[in-house]
Amino acid sequence: MDADNDLRYYYLMKAWKQSDNTSFNFYDAHDINTILDKSEESIKAGLQERFRNTKIFVLLVGEHTKYLYKYVRWEINQAISRNIPCIIVNLNGKRSLDDNLCPALMCGNLAVHISFNSKILQFALENWPTSDAAYRADGKTGAYYYKENIYEKLGL
């Protein structure tokens, strides 16, 4: 995610998790360790530790995410090389691959692309890992998305 511009969406996800009125839940890898030393080496070492405990990679995609190379690109590479199921969350509401905003590295790799909403994100967190495993077993790659009937069943 673009921490300079999109941090409020991450905080909203944390609020969804803490709310008593929703079933939204996720394991937040940011809770694993706090990276205090802001050198690139220390940050990447801390991120490596987080990736060792990551079951699903969620990438929030805003207007500037595709231009962030230092850490976002590195994190995407980590997720891909570790075969971690990837969920791409479009902050602009698009429900499929957004060619204009999605980092190029993710465009051809196996991932599900969804809009930013707690219900569809929870659905993806619960269902995408199984789909990801099946697609990998069949040698499939590329961008996937949920059809409109899934969004309608979720009341979206």
C-alpha atoms as a PDB file:
ATOM      1  CA  MET A   1       0.000   0.000   0.000  1.00  0.00           C
ATOM      2  CA  ASP A   2       1.003   3.581  -0.408  1.00  0.00           C
ATOM      3  CA  ALA A   3       1.454   4.506   3.255  1.00  0.00           C
ATOM      4  CA  ASP A   4       1.678   8.202   2.439  1.00  0.00           C
ATOM      5  CA  ASN A   5      -1.715   8.356   0.719  1.00  0.00           C
ATOM      6  CA  ASP A   6      -3.692   5.210   1.576  1.00  0.00           C
ATOM      7  CA  LEU A   7      -2.972   4.510   5.245  1.00  0.00           C
ATOM      8  CA  ARG A   8      -6.540   5.462   6.193  1.00  0.00           C
ATOM      9  CA  TYR A   9      -7.806   2.383   4.313  1.00  0.00           C
ATOM     10  CA  TYR A  10      -5.542   0.113   6.345  1.00  0.00           C
ATOM     11  CA  TYR A  11      -6.817   1.741   9.534  1.00  0.00           C
ATOM     12  CA  LEU A  12     -10.390   1.259   8.331  1.00  0.00           C
ATOM     13  CA  MET A  13      -9.659  -2.455   7.848  1.00  0.00           C
ATOM     14  CA  LYS A  14      -8.386  -2.587  11.427  1.00  0.00           C
ATOM     15  CA  ALA A  15     -11.596  -0.858  12.559  1.00  0.00           C
ATOM     16  CA  TRP A  16     -13.683  -3.446  10.669  1.00  0.00           C
ATOM     17  CA  LYS A  17     -11.784  -6.166  12.521  1.00  0.00           C
ATOM     18  CA  GLN A  18     -12.478  -4.592  15.912  1.00  0.00           C
ATOM     19  CA  SER A  19     -16.127  -3.769  15.299  1.00  0.00           C
ATOM     20  CA  ASP A  20     -18.738  -5.866  17.091  1.00  0.00           C
ATOM     21  CA  ASN A  21     -21.190  -5.383  14.214  1.00  0.00           C
ATOM     22  CA  THR A  22     -19.254  -7.278  11.537  1.00  0.00           C
ATOM     23  CA  SER A  23     -17.733 -10.711  11.039  1.00  0.00           C
ATOM     24  CA  PHE A  24     -14.736  -9.190   9.285  1.00  0.00           C
ATOM     25  CA  ASN A  25     -11.479 -10.592  10.619  1.00  0.00           C
ATOM     26  CA  PHE A  26      -7.904 -10.968   9.445  1.00  0.00           C
ATOM     27  CA  TYR A  27      -4.530 -11.752  10.931  1.00  0.00           C
ATOM     28  CA  ASP A  28      -2.523  -8.546  10.692  1.00  0.00           C
ATOM     29  CA  ALA A  29       1.157  -9.296   9.979  1.00  0.00           C
ATOM     30  CA  HIS A  30       1.998  -5.757  11.089  1.00  0.00           C
ATOM     31  CA  ASP A  31       1.298  -6.962  14.622  1.00  0.00           C
ATOM     32  CA  ILE A  32       4.124  -9.532  14.453  1.00  0.00           C
ATOM     33  CA  ASN A  33       6.967  -7.107  14.937  1.00  0.00           C
ATOM     34  CA  THR A  34       7.487  -3.403  15.152  1.00  0.00           C
ATOM     35  CA  ILE A  35      10.239  -2.114  12.918  1.00  0.00           C
ATOM     36  CA  LEU A  36      11.888   0.709  14.816  1.00  0.00           C
ATOM     37  CA  ASP A  37      15.127   1.058  12.860  1.00  0.00           C
ATOM     38  CA  LYS A  38      14.113   2.768   9.611  1.00  0.00           C
ATOM     39  CA  SER A  39      17.150   1.683   7.539  1.00  0.00           C
ATOM     40  CA  GLU A  40      16.247  -0.246   4.389  1.00  0.00           C
ATOM     41  CA  GLU A  41      18.119  -3.305   5.652  1.00  0.00           C
ATOM     42  CA  SER A  42      16.222  -3.340   8.955  1.00  0.00           C
ATOM     43  CA  ILE A  43      12.881  -2.719   7.314  1.00  0.00           C
ATOM     44  CA  LYS A  44      13.366  -5.597   4.863  1.00  0.00           C
ATOM     45  CA  ALA A  45      14.557  -7.893   7.676  1.00  0.00           C
ATOM     46  CA  GLY A  46      11.407  -7.058   9.643  1.00  0.00           C
ATOM     47  CA  LEU A  47       9.260  -7.595   6.570  1.00  0.00           C
ATOM     48  CA  GLN A  48      10.950 -10.978   5.975  1.00  0.00           C
ATOM     49  CA  GLU A  49       9.871 -12.030   9.460  1.00  0.00           C
ATOM     50  CA  ARG A  50       6.320 -10.949   8.691  1.00  0.00           C
ATOM     51  CA  PHE A  51       6.334 -12.889   5.403  1.00  0.00           C
ATOM     52  CA  ARG A  52       7.425 -16.070   7.194  1.00  0.00           C
ATOM     53  CA  ASN A  53       4.104 -15.867   9.048  1.00  0.00           C
ATOM     54  CA  THR A  54       1.941 -14.675   6.142  1.00  0.00           C
ATOM     55  CA  LYS A  55      -0.816 -16.908   4.788  1.00  0.00           C
ATOM     56  CA  ILE A  56      -2.452 -14.349   2.464  1.00  0.00           C
ATOM     57  CA  PHE A  57      -0.958 -11.220   0.882  1.00  0.00           C
ATOM     58  CA  VAL A  58      -3.383  -8.290   0.644  1.00  0.00           C
ATOM     59  CA  LEU A  59      -2.268  -5.371  -1.509  1.00  0.00           C
ATOM     60  CA  LEU A  60      -4.227  -2.132  -1.271  1.00  0.00           C
ATOM     61  CA  VAL A  61      -4.029  -0.420  -4.660  1.00  0.00           C
ATOM     62  CA  GLY A  62      -4.545   3.317  -4.801  1.00  0.00           C
ATOM     63  CA  GLU A  63      -3.590   5.992  -7.313  1.00  0.00           C
ATOM     64  CA  HIS A  64       0.156   5.851  -6.626  1.00  0.00           C
ATOM     65  CA  THR A  65       0.773   2.232  -5.590  1.00  0.00           C
ATOM     66  CA  LYS A  66       2.118   1.131  -8.977  1.00  0.00           C
ATOM     67  CA  TYR A  67       4.895   3.721  -8.759  1.00  0.00           C
ATOM     68  CA  LEU A  68       6.252   2.517  -5.412  1.00  0.00           C
ATOM     69  CA  TYR A  69       9.271   0.331  -6.103  1.00  0.00           C
ATOM     70  CA  LYS A  70      11.425   0.339  -2.993  1.00  0.00           C
ATOM     71  CA  TYR A  71       9.154  -1.685  -0.716  1.00  0.00           C
ATOM     72  CA  VAL A  72       5.867  -2.406  -2.530  1.00  0.00           C
ATOM     73  CA  ARG A  73       7.612  -4.084  -5.458  1.00  0.00           C
ATOM     74  CA  TRP A  74       9.878  -5.966  -3.053  1.00  0.00           C
ATOM     75  CA  GLU A  75       6.858  -7.172  -1.034  1.00  0.00           C
ATOM     76  CA  ILE A  76       5.061  -8.267  -4.203  1.00  0.00           C
ATOM     77  CA  ASN A  77       8.160 -10.252  -5.210  1.00  0.00           C
ATOM     78  CA  GLN A  78       8.213 -11.877  -1.770  1.00  0.00           C
ATOM     79  CA  ALA A  79       4.553 -12.910  -2.043  1.00  0.00           C
ATOM     80  CA  ILE A  80       5.028 -14.283  -5.553  1.00  0.00           C
ATOM     81  CA  SER A  81       8.236 -16.190  -4.774  1.00  0.00           C
ATOM     82  CA  ARG A  82       6.648 -17.712  -1.651  1.00  0.00           C
ATOM     83  CA  ASN A  83       3.461 -18.709  -3.537  1.00  0.00           C
ATOM     84  CA  ILE A  84       1.320 -16.776  -1.076  1.00  0.00           C
ATOM     85  CA  PRO A  85      -2.282 -16.287  -2.247  1.00  0.00           C
ATOM     86  CA  CYS A  86      -2.664 -12.642  -3.311  1.00  0.00           C
ATOM     87  CA  ILE A  87      -5.730 -10.450  -2.937  1.00  0.00           C
ATOM     88  CA  ILE A  88      -5.551  -7.124  -4.756  1.00  0.00           C
ATOM     89  CA  VAL A  89      -7.925  -4.549  -3.283  1.00  0.00           C
ATOM     90  CA  ASN A  90      -8.826  -1.649  -5.558  1.00  0.00           C
ATOM     91  CA  LEU A  91      -9.430   1.452  -3.484  1.00  0.00           C
ATOM     92  CA  ASN A  92     -11.265   3.087  -6.400  1.00  0.00           C
ATOM     93  CA  GLY A  93     -14.114   0.553  -6.238  1.00  0.00           C
ATOM     94  CA  LYS A  94     -13.199  -1.446  -9.346  1.00  0.00           C
ATOM     95  CA  ARG A  95     -14.095  -5.137  -8.966  1.00  0.00           C
ATOM     96  CA  SER A  96     -11.509  -6.570 -11.367  1.00  0.00           C
ATOM     97  CA  LEU A  97      -7.966  -5.911 -12.554  1.00  0.00           C
ATOM     98  CA  ASP A  98      -7.327  -2.200 -12.924  1.00  0.00           C
ATOM     99  CA  ASP A  99      -4.659  -2.043 -15.638  1.00  0.00           C
ATOM    100  CA  ASN A 100      -4.081   1.646 -14.947  1.00  0.00           C
ATOM    101  CA  LEU A 101      -3.350   1.346 -11.217  1.00  0.00           C
ATOM    102  CA  CYS A 102      -2.242  -2.207 -10.455  1.00  0.00           C
ATOM    103  CA  PRO A 103       1.541  -2.645 -10.190  1.00  0.00           C
ATOM    104  CA  ALA A 104       2.744  -4.301 -13.415  1.00  0.00           C
ATOM    105  CA  LEU A 105       4.389  -7.102 -11.477  1.00  0.00           C
ATOM    106  CA  MET A 106       0.972  -8.248 -10.215  1.00  0.00           C
ATOM    107  CA  CYS A 107      -0.896  -7.933 -13.504  1.00  0.00           C
ATOM    108  CA  GLY A 108       0.232 -11.294 -14.892  1.00  0.00           C
ATOM    109  CA  ASN A 109       0.501 -13.163 -11.627  1.00  0.00           C
ATOM    110  CA  LEU A 110      -2.130 -15.237  -9.898  1.00  0.00           C
ATOM    111  CA  ALA A 111      -4.351 -12.977  -7.779  1.00  0.00           C
ATOM    112  CA  VAL A 112      -7.967 -12.097  -7.190  1.00  0.00           C
ATOM    113  CA  HIS A 113      -8.877  -8.432  -7.697  1.00  0.00           C
ATOM    114  CA  ILE A 114     -11.701  -6.966  -5.635  1.00  0.00           C
ATOM    115  CA  SER A 115     -13.159  -3.638  -4.556  1.00  0.00           C
ATOM    116  CA  PHE A 116     -12.493  -2.153  -1.116  1.00  0.00           C
ATOM    117  CA  ASN A 117     -15.330  -3.368   1.088  1.00  0.00           C
ATOM    118  CA  SER A 118     -15.343  -5.481   4.245  1.00  0.00           C
ATOM    119  CA  LYS A 119     -17.827  -8.053   2.924  1.00  0.00           C
ATOM    120  CA  ILE A 120     -16.012  -8.909  -0.304  1.00  0.00           C
ATOM    121  CA  LEU A 121     -12.645  -8.776   1.426  1.00  0.00           C
ATOM    122  CA  GLN A 122     -13.848 -11.211   4.087  1.00  0.00           C
ATOM    123  CA  PHE A 123     -15.247 -13.445   1.330  1.00  0.00           C
ATOM    124  CA  ALA A 124     -11.881 -13.366  -0.470  1.00  0.00           C
ATOM    125  CA  LEU A 125      -9.925 -14.046   2.734  1.00  0.00           C
ATOM    126  CA  GLU A 126     -12.103 -17.094   3.390  1.00  0.00           C
ATOM    127  CA  ASN A 127     -12.324 -18.425  -0.181  1.00  0.00           C
ATOM    128  CA  TRP A 128      -9.396 -17.280  -2.290  1.00  0.00           C
ATOM    129  CA  PRO A 129      -6.678 -19.490  -0.704  1.00  0.00           C
ATOM    130  CA  THR A 130      -8.553 -22.649  -1.793  1.00  0.00           C
ATOM    131  CA  SER A 131      -9.097 -21.259  -5.305  1.00  0.00           C
ATOM    132  CA  ASP A 132      -5.470 -20.136  -5.459  1.00  0.00           C
ATOM    133  CA  ALA A 133      -4.256 -23.647  -4.558  1.00  0.00           C
ATOM    134  CA  ALA A 134      -6.486 -25.221  -7.223  1.00  0.00           C
ATOM    135  CA  TYR A 135      -5.359 -22.747  -9.908  1.00  0.00           C
ATOM    136  CA  ARG A 136      -1.694 -23.301  -8.990  1.00  0.00           C
ATOM    137  CA  ALA A 137      -2.171 -27.076  -9.171  1.00  0.00           C
ATOM    138  CA  ASP A 138      -3.568 -26.614 -12.692  1.00  0.00           C
ATOM    139  CA  GLY A 139      -0.679 -24.296 -13.661  1.00  0.00           C
ATOM    140  CA  LYS A 140      -2.962 -21.289 -14.083  1.00  0.00           C
ATOM    141  CA  THR A 141      -1.892 -17.697 -13.539  1.00  0.00           C
ATOM    142  CA  GLY A 142      -3.311 -14.248 -14.130  1.00  0.00           C
ATOM    143  CA  ALA A 143      -5.936 -11.946 -12.750  1.00  0.00           C
ATOM    144  CA  TYR A 144      -9.176 -13.339 -11.372  1.00  0.00           C
ATOM    145  CA  TYR A 145     -12.221 -11.559 -10.015  1.00  0.00           C
ATOM    146  CA  TYR A 146     -15.559 -12.465  -8.489  1.00  0.00           C
ATOM    147  CA  LYS A 147     -18.610 -12.277 -10.699  1.00  0.00           C
ATOM    148  CA  GLU A 148     -21.400  -9.816  -9.942  1.00  0.00           C
ATOM    149  CA  ASN A 149     -23.599 -12.533  -8.411  1.00  0.00           C
ATOM    150  CA  ILE A 150     -21.069 -12.928  -5.562  1.00  0.00           C
ATOM    151  CA  TYR A 151     -21.226  -9.202  -4.824  1.00  0.00           C
ATOM    152  CA  GLU A 152     -25.037  -9.340  -5.013  1.00  0.00           C
ATOM    153  CA  LYS A 153     -25.179 -12.287  -2.565  1.00  0.00           C
ATOM    154  CA  LEU A 154     -23.082 -10.199  -0.190  1.00  0.00           C
ATOM    155  CA  GLY A 155     -25.506  -7.282  -0.528  1.00  0.00           C
ATOM    156  CA  LEU A 156     -23.088  -5.138  -2.547  1.00  0.00           C
END
